[in-house]
């Protein structure tokens, strides 16, 4: 009979996610994961099978949480669509500031970091990122189309192109923050993005 687990798997997953986020996939050792989760190697491998399996689960958890938070802002009823987009950009900037305060440095986005580090050479991670990107692009496109209907977004550019532009802006805010850009610089970038939608 298998011994029951004596740890909180969700908490271990969160700790591993934070470690991968801070260090990246390649630079995170099994010992780093043991230290972060408080688990021994055998517990990690019995539960998660491999470092890569643990990474996939941590990345999926991160993407689901981040995208759910973004979609909650984009789909908030009763506000003009441009205000929802503005609120989303502000949420990203605030998240970067909070991360810098907590970790002592900006960590950016685990999804963006994974694209940069692993690119297309990790098919499993690429599939997770592709699924997540599709969800976010659909929500951004819907917000642009709603903004056209309510008059708050006046750009005549294609909604798909504007959705991709906004998605790239969000990634750019996170990378810029990692590179040392302060809040004022990030807010200026966000305002330029809003100008592109409304002027």
N, C-alpha and C. Protein backbone atom coordinates (compact mmCIF):
# COMPACT_ATOMS: atom_id res chain seq x y z
N UNK A 1 0.84 -1.19 0.00
CA UNK A 1 0.00 0.00 0.00
C UNK A 1 0.88 1.25 0.00
N UNK A 2 0.57 2.21 -0.85
CA UNK A 2 1.37 3.44 -0.94
C UNK A 2 1.20 4.27 0.32
N UNK A 3 2.29 4.90 0.76
CA UNK A 3 2.22 5.79 1.92
C UNK A 3 1.52 7.08 1.52
N UNK A 4 0.65 7.62 2.39
CA UNK A 4 -0.02 8.88 2.05
C UNK A 4 0.97 10.04 2.02
N UNK A 5 0.70 11.00 1.17
CA UNK A 5 1.56 12.19 1.10
C UNK A 5 1.36 13.02 2.36
N UNK A 6 2.48 13.53 2.85
CA UNK A 6 2.41 14.32 4.10
C UNK A 6 2.76 15.77 3.82
N UNK A 7 2.50 16.25 2.60
CA UNK A 7 2.79 17.64 2.28
C UNK A 7 1.67 18.19 1.40
N UNK A 8 1.61 19.49 1.33
CA UNK A 8 0.62 20.18 0.53
C UNK A 8 1.18 20.34 -0.89
N UNK A 9 0.64 19.55 -1.80
CA UNK A 9 1.16 19.55 -3.18
C UNK A 9 1.00 20.92 -3.84
N UNK A 10 -0.12 21.60 -3.55
CA UNK A 10 -0.33 22.92 -4.15
C UNK A 10 0.71 23.92 -3.65
N UNK A 11 1.02 23.87 -2.37
CA UNK A 11 2.03 24.76 -1.81
C UNK A 11 3.41 24.46 -2.41
N UNK A 12 3.71 23.17 -2.57
CA UNK A 12 4.98 22.79 -3.18
C UNK A 12 5.05 23.30 -4.62
N UNK A 13 3.95 23.20 -5.33
CA UNK A 13 3.89 23.68 -6.71
C UNK A 13 4.12 25.18 -6.78
N UNK A 14 3.51 25.93 -5.85
CA UNK A 14 3.72 27.38 -5.80
C UNK A 14 5.17 27.72 -5.51
N UNK A 15 5.80 26.99 -4.60
CA UNK A 15 7.20 27.25 -4.26
C UNK A 15 8.11 26.95 -5.46
N UNK A 16 7.82 25.86 -6.15
CA UNK A 16 8.60 25.52 -7.34
C UNK A 16 8.40 26.57 -8.43
N UNK A 17 7.15 27.02 -8.61
CA UNK A 17 6.85 28.05 -9.60
C UNK A 17 7.68 29.30 -9.33
N UNK A 18 7.72 29.71 -8.07
CA UNK A 18 8.49 30.91 -7.70
C UNK A 18 9.97 30.73 -8.01
N UNK A 19 10.49 29.53 -7.76
CA UNK A 19 11.91 29.26 -8.01
C UNK A 19 12.21 29.31 -9.50
N UNK A 20 11.38 28.66 -10.30
CA UNK A 20 11.58 28.72 -11.75
C UNK A 20 11.46 30.16 -12.25
N UNK A 21 10.55 30.92 -11.69
CA UNK A 21 10.33 32.30 -12.08
C UNK A 21 11.56 33.15 -11.77
N UNK A 22 12.14 32.92 -10.61
CA UNK A 22 13.32 33.70 -10.21
C UNK A 22 14.59 33.30 -10.95
N UNK A 23 14.75 32.00 -11.20
CA UNK A 23 16.03 31.51 -11.73
C UNK A 23 15.99 31.11 -13.20
N UNK A 24 14.80 30.77 -13.71
CA UNK A 24 14.71 30.19 -15.03
C UNK A 24 14.77 28.68 -14.95
N UNK A 25 14.36 28.01 -16.01
CA UNK A 25 14.31 26.55 -15.99
C UNK A 25 15.70 25.93 -15.88
N UNK A 26 16.58 26.29 -16.80
CA UNK A 26 17.90 25.66 -16.85
C UNK A 26 18.70 25.88 -15.58
N UNK A 27 18.64 27.08 -15.01
CA UNK A 27 19.46 27.42 -13.84
C UNK A 27 18.89 26.86 -12.54
N UNK A 28 17.68 26.36 -12.55
CA UNK A 28 17.09 25.80 -11.34
C UNK A 28 17.54 24.34 -11.19
N UNK A 29 18.21 24.07 -10.11
CA UNK A 29 18.68 22.70 -9.84
C UNK A 29 17.64 21.94 -9.02
N UNK A 30 17.79 20.63 -8.98
CA UNK A 30 16.91 19.84 -8.14
C UNK A 30 17.07 20.25 -6.68
N UNK A 31 18.29 20.58 -6.27
CA UNK A 31 18.50 21.03 -4.90
C UNK A 31 17.76 22.34 -4.63
N UNK A 32 17.75 23.24 -5.62
CA UNK A 32 16.98 24.49 -5.47
C UNK A 32 15.51 24.17 -5.20
N UNK A 33 14.99 23.19 -5.93
CA UNK A 33 13.59 22.82 -5.77
C UNK A 33 13.35 22.16 -4.41
N UNK A 34 14.29 21.35 -3.96
CA UNK A 34 14.18 20.76 -2.63
C UNK A 34 14.17 21.85 -1.56
N UNK A 35 15.08 22.81 -1.69
CA UNK A 35 15.16 23.90 -0.72
C UNK A 35 13.88 24.74 -0.72
N UNK A 36 13.35 25.01 -1.89
CA UNK A 36 12.16 25.86 -2.00
C UNK A 36 10.92 25.17 -1.46
N UNK A 37 10.78 23.89 -1.77
CA UNK A 37 9.55 23.17 -1.41
C UNK A 37 9.62 22.53 -0.03
N UNK A 38 10.85 22.34 0.46
CA UNK A 38 11.02 21.62 1.73
C UNK A 38 10.89 20.12 1.55
N UNK A 39 10.89 19.65 0.32
CA UNK A 39 10.76 18.22 0.03
C UNK A 39 12.12 17.61 -0.29
N UNK A 40 12.24 16.32 -0.04
CA UNK A 40 13.43 15.59 -0.46
C UNK A 40 13.33 15.23 -1.93
N UNK A 41 14.45 14.84 -2.50
CA UNK A 41 14.46 14.46 -3.92
C UNK A 41 13.46 13.36 -4.22
N UNK A 42 13.38 12.35 -3.36
CA UNK A 42 12.48 11.24 -3.65
C UNK A 42 11.02 11.71 -3.66
N UNK A 43 10.66 12.61 -2.74
CA UNK A 43 9.28 13.12 -2.73
C UNK A 43 8.99 13.91 -3.99
N UNK A 44 9.96 14.72 -4.44
CA UNK A 44 9.75 15.49 -5.67
C UNK A 44 9.56 14.56 -6.86
N UNK A 45 10.43 13.56 -6.97
CA UNK A 45 10.34 12.68 -8.15
C UNK A 45 9.17 11.71 -8.06
N UNK A 46 8.78 11.31 -6.85
CA UNK A 46 7.61 10.45 -6.72
C UNK A 46 6.32 11.19 -7.06
N UNK A 47 6.30 12.49 -6.75
CA UNK A 47 5.10 13.29 -6.99
C UNK A 47 5.06 13.87 -8.40
N UNK A 48 6.18 14.41 -8.85
CA UNK A 48 6.20 15.17 -10.11
C UNK A 48 6.94 14.48 -11.25
N UNK A 49 7.51 13.31 -11.00
CA UNK A 49 8.17 12.48 -12.01
C UNK A 49 9.52 13.02 -12.47
N UNK A 50 9.60 14.32 -12.77
CA UNK A 50 10.86 14.89 -13.26
C UNK A 50 10.85 16.39 -13.03
N UNK A 51 12.01 16.98 -13.16
CA UNK A 51 12.10 18.44 -13.08
C UNK A 51 11.23 19.08 -14.16
N UNK A 52 11.25 18.49 -15.35
CA UNK A 52 10.48 19.07 -16.45
C UNK A 52 8.98 18.96 -16.19
N UNK A 53 8.54 17.83 -15.64
CA UNK A 53 7.12 17.68 -15.32
C UNK A 53 6.70 18.72 -14.28
N UNK A 54 7.54 18.92 -13.28
CA UNK A 54 7.25 19.93 -12.26
C UNK A 54 7.21 21.32 -12.90
N UNK A 55 8.13 21.58 -13.82
CA UNK A 55 8.14 22.87 -14.51
C UNK A 55 6.87 23.08 -15.32
N UNK A 56 6.46 22.06 -16.05
CA UNK A 56 5.23 22.17 -16.85
C UNK A 56 4.03 22.49 -15.97
N UNK A 57 3.93 21.80 -14.86
CA UNK A 57 2.80 22.04 -13.96
C UNK A 57 2.87 23.42 -13.33
N UNK A 58 4.07 23.85 -12.98
CA UNK A 58 4.23 25.19 -12.39
C UNK A 58 3.91 26.27 -13.42
N UNK A 59 4.39 26.09 -14.65
CA UNK A 59 4.12 27.06 -15.71
C UNK A 59 2.62 27.12 -16.00
N UNK A 60 1.97 25.97 -16.08
CA UNK A 60 0.53 25.93 -16.33
C UNK A 60 -0.23 26.65 -15.22
N UNK A 61 0.18 26.42 -13.99
CA UNK A 61 -0.47 27.08 -12.84
C UNK A 61 -0.30 28.59 -12.92
N UNK A 62 0.92 29.02 -13.24
CA UNK A 62 1.21 30.45 -13.36
C UNK A 62 0.36 31.08 -14.47
N UNK A 63 0.37 30.46 -15.64
CA UNK A 63 -0.36 31.03 -16.78
C UNK A 63 -1.86 31.10 -16.50
N UNK A 64 -2.40 30.05 -15.90
CA UNK A 64 -3.83 30.06 -15.60
C UNK A 64 -4.18 31.19 -14.64
N UNK A 65 -3.36 31.38 -13.60
CA UNK A 65 -3.64 32.42 -12.61
C UNK A 65 -3.50 33.81 -13.22
N UNK A 66 -2.43 34.05 -13.96
CA UNK A 66 -2.18 35.37 -14.53
C UNK A 66 -3.24 35.72 -15.58
N UNK A 67 -3.57 34.77 -16.42
CA UNK A 67 -4.54 35.04 -17.47
C UNK A 67 -5.93 35.23 -16.88
N UNK A 68 -6.28 34.46 -15.85
CA UNK A 68 -7.58 34.65 -15.21
C UNK A 68 -7.68 36.05 -14.63
N UNK A 69 -6.62 36.54 -14.02
CA UNK A 69 -6.63 37.89 -13.44
C UNK A 69 -6.77 38.94 -14.54
N UNK A 70 -6.09 38.74 -15.67
CA UNK A 70 -6.18 39.69 -16.78
C UNK A 70 -7.57 39.66 -17.40
N UNK A 71 -8.12 38.48 -17.59
CA UNK A 71 -9.45 38.37 -18.19
C UNK A 71 -10.52 38.98 -17.29
N UNK A 72 -10.34 38.86 -15.98
CA UNK A 72 -11.31 39.46 -15.06
C UNK A 72 -11.39 40.97 -15.26
N UNK A 73 -10.25 41.60 -15.54
CA UNK A 73 -10.23 43.05 -15.78
C UNK A 73 -10.82 43.35 -17.16
N UNK A 74 -10.41 42.61 -18.17
CA UNK A 74 -10.87 42.87 -19.53
C UNK A 74 -12.36 42.63 -19.71
N UNK A 75 -12.91 41.72 -18.93
CA UNK A 75 -14.32 41.35 -19.12
C UNK A 75 -15.23 41.98 -18.08
N UNK A 76 -14.71 42.93 -17.31
CA UNK A 76 -15.52 43.57 -16.26
C UNK A 76 -16.67 44.32 -16.90
N UNK A 77 -17.89 44.03 -16.49
CA UNK A 77 -19.05 44.70 -17.11
C UNK A 77 -19.20 46.14 -16.61
N UNK A 78 -19.88 46.93 -17.42
CA UNK A 78 -20.26 48.27 -16.98
C UNK A 78 -19.20 49.34 -17.17
N UNK A 79 -18.08 49.01 -17.77
CA UNK A 79 -17.03 50.01 -18.03
C UNK A 79 -16.74 50.05 -19.51
N UNK A 80 -16.44 51.23 -20.06
CA UNK A 80 -16.02 51.28 -21.46
C UNK A 80 -14.78 50.41 -21.68
N UNK A 81 -14.69 49.82 -22.85
CA UNK A 81 -13.60 48.88 -23.13
C UNK A 81 -12.23 49.53 -22.99
N UNK A 82 -12.09 50.77 -23.42
CA UNK A 82 -10.78 51.43 -23.31
C UNK A 82 -10.37 51.55 -21.85
N UNK A 83 -11.32 51.80 -20.96
CA UNK A 83 -11.01 51.87 -19.53
C UNK A 83 -10.56 50.51 -19.00
N UNK A 84 -11.15 49.45 -19.53
CA UNK A 84 -10.75 48.10 -19.11
C UNK A 84 -9.32 47.80 -19.57
N UNK A 85 -8.99 48.19 -20.79
CA UNK A 85 -7.63 47.98 -21.28
C UNK A 85 -6.64 48.80 -20.45
N UNK A 86 -7.00 50.05 -20.18
CA UNK A 86 -6.15 50.91 -19.35
C UNK A 86 -5.93 50.29 -17.97
N UNK A 87 -7.00 49.75 -17.39
CA UNK A 87 -6.91 49.10 -16.08
C UNK A 87 -6.01 47.86 -16.14
N UNK A 88 -6.06 47.14 -17.24
CA UNK A 88 -5.20 45.97 -17.40
C UNK A 88 -3.73 46.39 -17.44
N UNK A 89 -3.41 47.42 -18.21
CA UNK A 89 -2.03 47.89 -18.27
C UNK A 89 -1.56 48.38 -16.90
N UNK A 90 -2.44 49.05 -16.18
CA UNK A 90 -2.10 49.51 -14.83
C UNK A 90 -1.87 48.32 -13.89
N UNK A 91 -2.66 47.27 -14.06
CA UNK A 91 -2.50 46.06 -13.24
C UNK A 91 -1.12 45.43 -13.49
N UNK A 92 -0.71 45.38 -14.74
CA UNK A 92 0.60 44.82 -15.07
C UNK A 92 1.71 45.65 -14.43
N UNK A 93 1.61 46.97 -14.54
CA UNK A 93 2.62 47.85 -13.96
C UNK A 93 2.66 47.71 -12.44
N UNK A 94 1.50 47.64 -11.82
CA UNK A 94 1.44 47.47 -10.36
C UNK A 94 2.04 46.12 -9.95
N UNK A 95 1.77 45.09 -10.73
CA UNK A 95 2.33 43.77 -10.45
C UNK A 95 3.84 43.78 -10.50
N UNK A 96 4.39 44.50 -11.46
CA UNK A 96 5.85 44.61 -11.56
C UNK A 96 6.41 45.34 -10.34
N UNK A 97 5.74 46.40 -9.91
CA UNK A 97 6.21 47.15 -8.74
C UNK A 97 6.15 46.29 -7.48
N UNK A 98 5.07 45.53 -7.32
CA UNK A 98 4.93 44.66 -6.16
C UNK A 98 5.99 43.57 -6.16
N UNK A 99 6.26 43.02 -7.32
CA UNK A 99 7.28 41.98 -7.44
C UNK A 99 8.66 42.53 -7.10
N UNK A 100 8.96 43.72 -7.58
CA UNK A 100 10.25 44.35 -7.29
C UNK A 100 10.40 44.59 -5.78
N UNK A 101 9.30 45.02 -5.14
CA UNK A 101 9.34 45.28 -3.70
C UNK A 101 9.54 43.98 -2.91
N UNK A 102 8.88 42.91 -3.36
CA UNK A 102 8.95 41.64 -2.63
C UNK A 102 10.25 40.89 -2.88
N UNK A 103 10.71 40.89 -4.12
CA UNK A 103 11.88 40.08 -4.48
C UNK A 103 13.16 40.90 -4.56
N UNK A 104 13.03 42.22 -4.51
CA UNK A 104 14.22 43.05 -4.64
C UNK A 104 14.61 43.33 -6.08
N UNK A 105 13.89 42.72 -7.00
CA UNK A 105 14.13 42.95 -8.43
C UNK A 105 12.87 42.53 -9.18
N UNK A 106 12.72 43.06 -10.37
CA UNK A 106 11.59 42.68 -11.20
C UNK A 106 11.85 41.30 -11.79
N UNK A 107 10.85 40.44 -11.75
CA UNK A 107 11.00 39.09 -12.29
C UNK A 107 10.36 38.95 -13.67
N UNK A 108 9.63 39.98 -14.08
CA UNK A 108 8.95 39.89 -15.37
C UNK A 108 7.82 38.90 -15.31
N UNK A 109 7.63 38.17 -16.37
CA UNK A 109 6.54 37.20 -16.50
C UNK A 109 7.15 35.83 -16.76
N UNK A 110 6.75 34.83 -16.00
CA UNK A 110 7.28 33.49 -16.21
C UNK A 110 7.00 33.02 -17.63
N UNK A 111 5.86 33.38 -18.17
CA UNK A 111 5.55 33.00 -19.56
C UNK A 111 6.51 33.63 -20.54
N UNK A 112 6.70 34.94 -20.44
CA UNK A 112 7.63 35.64 -21.33
C UNK A 112 9.05 35.11 -21.13
N UNK A 113 9.44 34.92 -19.87
CA UNK A 113 10.78 34.41 -19.58
C UNK A 113 10.98 33.04 -20.22
N UNK A 114 9.94 32.21 -20.21
CA UNK A 114 10.03 30.87 -20.79
C UNK A 114 10.17 30.95 -22.31
N UNK A 115 9.42 31.86 -22.93
CA UNK A 115 9.56 32.05 -24.39
C UNK A 115 11.01 32.40 -24.72
N UNK A 116 11.57 33.34 -23.96
CA UNK A 116 12.94 33.79 -24.23
C UNK A 116 13.94 32.68 -23.96
N UNK A 117 13.78 31.96 -22.85
CA UNK A 117 14.76 30.94 -22.48
C UNK A 117 14.66 29.67 -23.31
N UNK A 118 13.43 29.17 -23.50
CA UNK A 118 13.26 27.86 -24.12
C UNK A 118 12.75 27.92 -25.56
N UNK A 119 12.08 29.03 -25.90
CA UNK A 119 11.60 29.20 -27.27
C UNK A 119 10.84 27.98 -27.77
N UNK A 120 11.12 27.63 -28.99
CA UNK A 120 10.42 26.50 -29.61
C UNK A 120 11.12 25.18 -29.37
N UNK A 121 12.22 25.16 -28.61
CA UNK A 121 12.95 23.91 -28.41
C UNK A 121 12.35 23.04 -27.32
N UNK A 122 11.29 23.54 -26.66
CA UNK A 122 10.59 22.75 -25.65
C UNK A 122 9.13 22.66 -26.08
N UNK A 123 8.77 21.61 -26.82
CA UNK A 123 7.41 21.52 -27.37
C UNK A 123 6.31 21.56 -26.32
N UNK A 124 6.53 20.95 -25.16
CA UNK A 124 5.48 20.94 -24.12
C UNK A 124 5.24 22.34 -23.59
N UNK A 125 6.32 23.06 -23.28
CA UNK A 125 6.17 24.44 -22.81
C UNK A 125 5.57 25.32 -23.90
N UNK A 126 6.03 25.11 -25.14
CA UNK A 126 5.50 25.90 -26.26
C UNK A 126 3.99 25.70 -26.41
N UNK A 127 3.51 24.47 -26.21
CA UNK A 127 2.08 24.20 -26.33
C UNK A 127 1.29 24.92 -25.24
N UNK A 128 1.82 24.93 -24.01
CA UNK A 128 1.16 25.65 -22.92
C UNK A 128 1.10 27.14 -23.23
N UNK A 129 2.21 27.68 -23.71
CA UNK A 129 2.28 29.12 -24.01
C UNK A 129 1.36 29.48 -25.17
N UNK A 130 1.30 28.62 -26.16
CA UNK A 130 0.43 28.87 -27.32
C UNK A 130 -1.04 28.90 -26.91
N UNK A 131 -1.45 27.95 -26.07
CA UNK A 131 -2.83 27.90 -25.58
C UNK A 131 -3.15 29.18 -24.79
N UNK A 132 -2.21 29.58 -23.93
CA UNK A 132 -2.42 30.77 -23.12
C UNK A 132 -2.49 32.03 -23.99
N UNK A 133 -1.60 32.13 -24.95
CA UNK A 133 -1.61 33.29 -25.84
C UNK A 133 -2.92 33.39 -26.61
N UNK A 134 -3.42 32.26 -27.05
CA UNK A 134 -4.70 32.26 -27.78
C UNK A 134 -5.83 32.78 -26.90
N UNK A 135 -5.86 32.38 -25.63
CA UNK A 135 -6.89 32.87 -24.70
C UNK A 135 -6.79 34.38 -24.53
N UNK A 136 -5.57 34.87 -24.31
CA UNK A 136 -5.39 36.30 -24.08
C UNK A 136 -5.70 37.12 -25.33
N UNK A 137 -5.26 36.63 -26.49
CA UNK A 137 -5.55 37.36 -27.73
C UNK A 137 -7.04 37.43 -28.00
N UNK A 138 -7.75 36.35 -27.71
CA UNK A 138 -9.21 36.36 -27.92
C UNK A 138 -9.86 37.40 -27.01
N UNK A 139 -9.41 37.49 -25.76
CA UNK A 139 -9.99 38.46 -24.82
C UNK A 139 -9.63 39.89 -25.22
N UNK A 140 -8.41 40.10 -25.67
CA UNK A 140 -8.00 41.43 -26.11
C UNK A 140 -8.76 41.85 -27.36
N UNK A 141 -8.92 40.92 -28.29
CA UNK A 141 -9.67 41.22 -29.52
C UNK A 141 -11.13 41.56 -29.18
N UNK A 142 -11.71 40.80 -28.25
CA UNK A 142 -13.09 41.08 -27.83
C UNK A 142 -13.20 42.46 -27.19
N UNK A 143 -12.19 42.84 -26.42
CA UNK A 143 -12.21 44.18 -25.80
C UNK A 143 -12.10 45.26 -26.86
N UNK A 144 -11.24 45.06 -27.85
CA UNK A 144 -11.11 46.04 -28.94
C UNK A 144 -12.45 46.17 -29.68
N UNK A 145 -13.05 45.04 -29.98
CA UNK A 145 -14.33 45.08 -30.71
C UNK A 145 -15.42 45.75 -29.87
N UNK A 146 -15.41 45.49 -28.56
CA UNK A 146 -16.38 46.15 -27.67
C UNK A 146 -16.12 47.65 -27.63
N UNK A 147 -14.84 48.03 -27.65
CA UNK A 147 -14.49 49.44 -27.65
C UNK A 147 -14.93 50.14 -28.92
N UNK A 148 -14.88 49.44 -30.02
CA UNK A 148 -15.39 50.01 -31.27
C UNK A 148 -16.89 50.27 -31.16
N UNK A 149 -17.59 49.32 -30.54
CA UNK A 149 -19.04 49.45 -30.41
C UNK A 149 -19.42 50.57 -29.43
N UNK A 150 -18.67 50.69 -28.32
CA UNK A 150 -19.04 51.71 -27.33
C UNK A 150 -18.38 53.07 -27.60
N UNK A 151 -17.54 53.13 -28.66
CA UNK A 151 -16.92 54.39 -29.05
C UNK A 151 -15.68 54.76 -28.28
N UNK A 152 -15.22 53.92 -27.35
CA UNK A 152 -14.05 54.27 -26.54
C UNK A 152 -12.73 53.91 -27.23
N UNK A 153 -12.79 53.03 -28.23
CA UNK A 153 -11.60 52.68 -29.03
C UNK A 153 -11.89 53.10 -30.46
N UNK A 154 -11.07 54.03 -30.96
CA UNK A 154 -11.36 54.65 -32.26
C UNK A 154 -10.36 54.28 -33.35
N UNK A 155 -9.34 53.51 -33.02
CA UNK A 155 -8.38 53.10 -34.05
C UNK A 155 -9.10 52.31 -35.13
N UNK A 156 -8.71 52.55 -36.38
CA UNK A 156 -9.34 51.83 -37.49
C UNK A 156 -8.55 50.57 -37.86
N UNK A 157 -7.50 50.30 -37.14
CA UNK A 157 -6.70 49.12 -37.44
C UNK A 157 -7.48 47.84 -37.12
N UNK A 158 -7.03 46.75 -37.73
CA UNK A 158 -7.65 45.45 -37.57
C UNK A 158 -7.65 45.02 -36.10
N UNK A 159 -8.78 44.53 -35.57
CA UNK A 159 -8.84 44.12 -34.16
C UNK A 159 -7.82 43.04 -33.79
N UNK A 160 -7.55 42.11 -34.72
CA UNK A 160 -6.54 41.09 -34.43
C UNK A 160 -5.16 41.72 -34.28
N UNK A 161 -4.85 42.67 -35.15
CA UNK A 161 -3.55 43.34 -35.07
C UNK A 161 -3.45 44.15 -33.78
N UNK A 162 -4.53 44.82 -33.39
CA UNK A 162 -4.51 45.59 -32.14
C UNK A 162 -4.37 44.67 -30.93
N UNK A 163 -5.02 43.51 -30.98
CA UNK A 163 -4.88 42.55 -29.88
C UNK A 163 -3.44 42.09 -29.75
N UNK A 164 -2.80 41.80 -30.88
CA UNK A 164 -1.39 41.38 -30.85
C UNK A 164 -0.49 42.52 -30.36
N UNK A 165 -0.82 43.75 -30.77
CA UNK A 165 -0.06 44.91 -30.30
C UNK A 165 -0.17 45.04 -28.78
N UNK A 166 -1.38 44.90 -28.25
CA UNK A 166 -1.56 45.01 -26.80
C UNK A 166 -0.85 43.88 -26.06
N UNK A 167 -0.91 42.69 -26.62
CA UNK A 167 -0.22 41.55 -26.01
C UNK A 167 1.30 41.80 -25.98
N UNK A 168 1.82 42.33 -27.08
CA UNK A 168 3.25 42.66 -27.14
C UNK A 168 3.59 43.80 -26.19
N UNK A 169 2.69 44.75 -26.03
CA UNK A 169 2.92 45.85 -25.09
C UNK A 169 3.03 45.33 -23.67
N UNK A 170 2.15 44.40 -23.29
CA UNK A 170 2.20 43.83 -21.95
C UNK A 170 3.53 43.10 -21.74
N UNK A 171 3.93 42.29 -22.72
CA UNK A 171 5.22 41.60 -22.61
C UNK A 171 6.36 42.62 -22.53
N UNK A 172 6.26 43.68 -23.33
CA UNK A 172 7.30 44.71 -23.32
C UNK A 172 7.38 45.44 -22.00
N UNK A 173 6.24 45.68 -21.36
CA UNK A 173 6.26 46.30 -20.03
C UNK A 173 7.01 45.43 -19.04
N UNK A 174 6.77 44.14 -19.10
CA UNK A 174 7.42 43.21 -18.16
C UNK A 174 8.92 43.11 -18.42
N UNK A 175 9.30 43.01 -19.68
CA UNK A 175 10.73 42.92 -20.01
C UNK A 175 11.42 44.24 -19.66
N UNK A 176 10.78 45.36 -19.96
CA UNK A 176 11.36 46.66 -19.63
C UNK A 176 11.56 46.80 -18.13
N UNK A 177 10.60 46.32 -17.36
CA UNK A 177 10.72 46.37 -15.91
C UNK A 177 11.91 45.54 -15.45
N UNK A 178 12.08 44.36 -16.02
CA UNK A 178 13.24 43.52 -15.70
C UNK A 178 14.53 44.25 -16.04
N UNK A 179 14.50 45.02 -17.09
CA UNK A 179 15.69 45.76 -17.53
C UNK A 179 15.95 47.02 -16.73
N UNK A 180 15.07 47.35 -15.76
CA UNK A 180 15.33 48.47 -14.89
C UNK A 180 14.44 49.68 -15.09
N UNK A 181 13.51 49.61 -16.04
CA UNK A 181 12.61 50.75 -16.25
C UNK A 181 11.78 50.99 -14.99
N UNK A 182 11.64 52.26 -14.60
CA UNK A 182 10.86 52.57 -13.40
C UNK A 182 9.38 52.73 -13.75
N UNK A 183 8.58 52.95 -12.72
CA UNK A 183 7.14 53.05 -12.92
C UNK A 183 6.76 54.15 -13.91
N UNK A 184 7.42 55.31 -13.81
CA UNK A 184 7.09 56.41 -14.71
C UNK A 184 7.32 56.02 -16.16
N UNK A 185 8.41 55.32 -16.43
CA UNK A 185 8.70 54.88 -17.80
C UNK A 185 7.65 53.88 -18.28
N UNK A 186 7.26 52.96 -17.40
CA UNK A 186 6.26 51.97 -17.78
C UNK A 186 4.90 52.62 -18.03
N UNK A 187 4.57 53.59 -17.18
CA UNK A 187 3.29 54.29 -17.36
C UNK A 187 3.27 55.09 -18.66
N UNK A 188 4.41 55.66 -19.04
CA UNK A 188 4.49 56.39 -20.31
C UNK A 188 4.27 55.44 -21.49
N UNK A 189 4.87 54.24 -21.41
CA UNK A 189 4.67 53.24 -22.46
C UNK A 189 3.19 52.86 -22.56
N UNK A 190 2.56 52.66 -21.40
CA UNK A 190 1.13 52.30 -21.40
C UNK A 190 0.28 53.39 -22.01
N UNK A 191 0.61 54.64 -21.73
CA UNK A 191 -0.16 55.76 -22.30
C UNK A 191 -0.01 55.82 -23.82
N UNK A 192 1.18 55.53 -24.30
CA UNK A 192 1.38 55.50 -25.76
C UNK A 192 0.53 54.40 -26.38
N UNK A 193 0.46 53.25 -25.71
CA UNK A 193 -0.39 52.17 -26.20
C UNK A 193 -1.85 52.62 -26.25
N UNK A 194 -2.29 53.33 -25.21
CA UNK A 194 -3.67 53.81 -25.20
C UNK A 194 -3.89 54.84 -26.31
N UNK A 195 -2.88 55.68 -26.56
CA UNK A 195 -2.99 56.63 -27.68
C UNK A 195 -3.22 55.89 -29.00
N UNK A 196 -2.54 54.76 -29.16
CA UNK A 196 -2.68 53.99 -30.40
C UNK A 196 -4.10 53.47 -30.57
N UNK A 197 -4.79 53.23 -29.46
CA UNK A 197 -6.16 52.74 -29.53
C UNK A 197 -7.20 53.85 -29.69
N UNK A 198 -6.87 55.04 -29.20
CA UNK A 198 -7.93 56.05 -29.06
C UNK A 198 -7.70 57.31 -29.87
N UNK A 199 -6.62 57.37 -30.62
CA UNK A 199 -6.38 58.58 -31.41
C UNK A 199 -6.21 58.27 -32.89
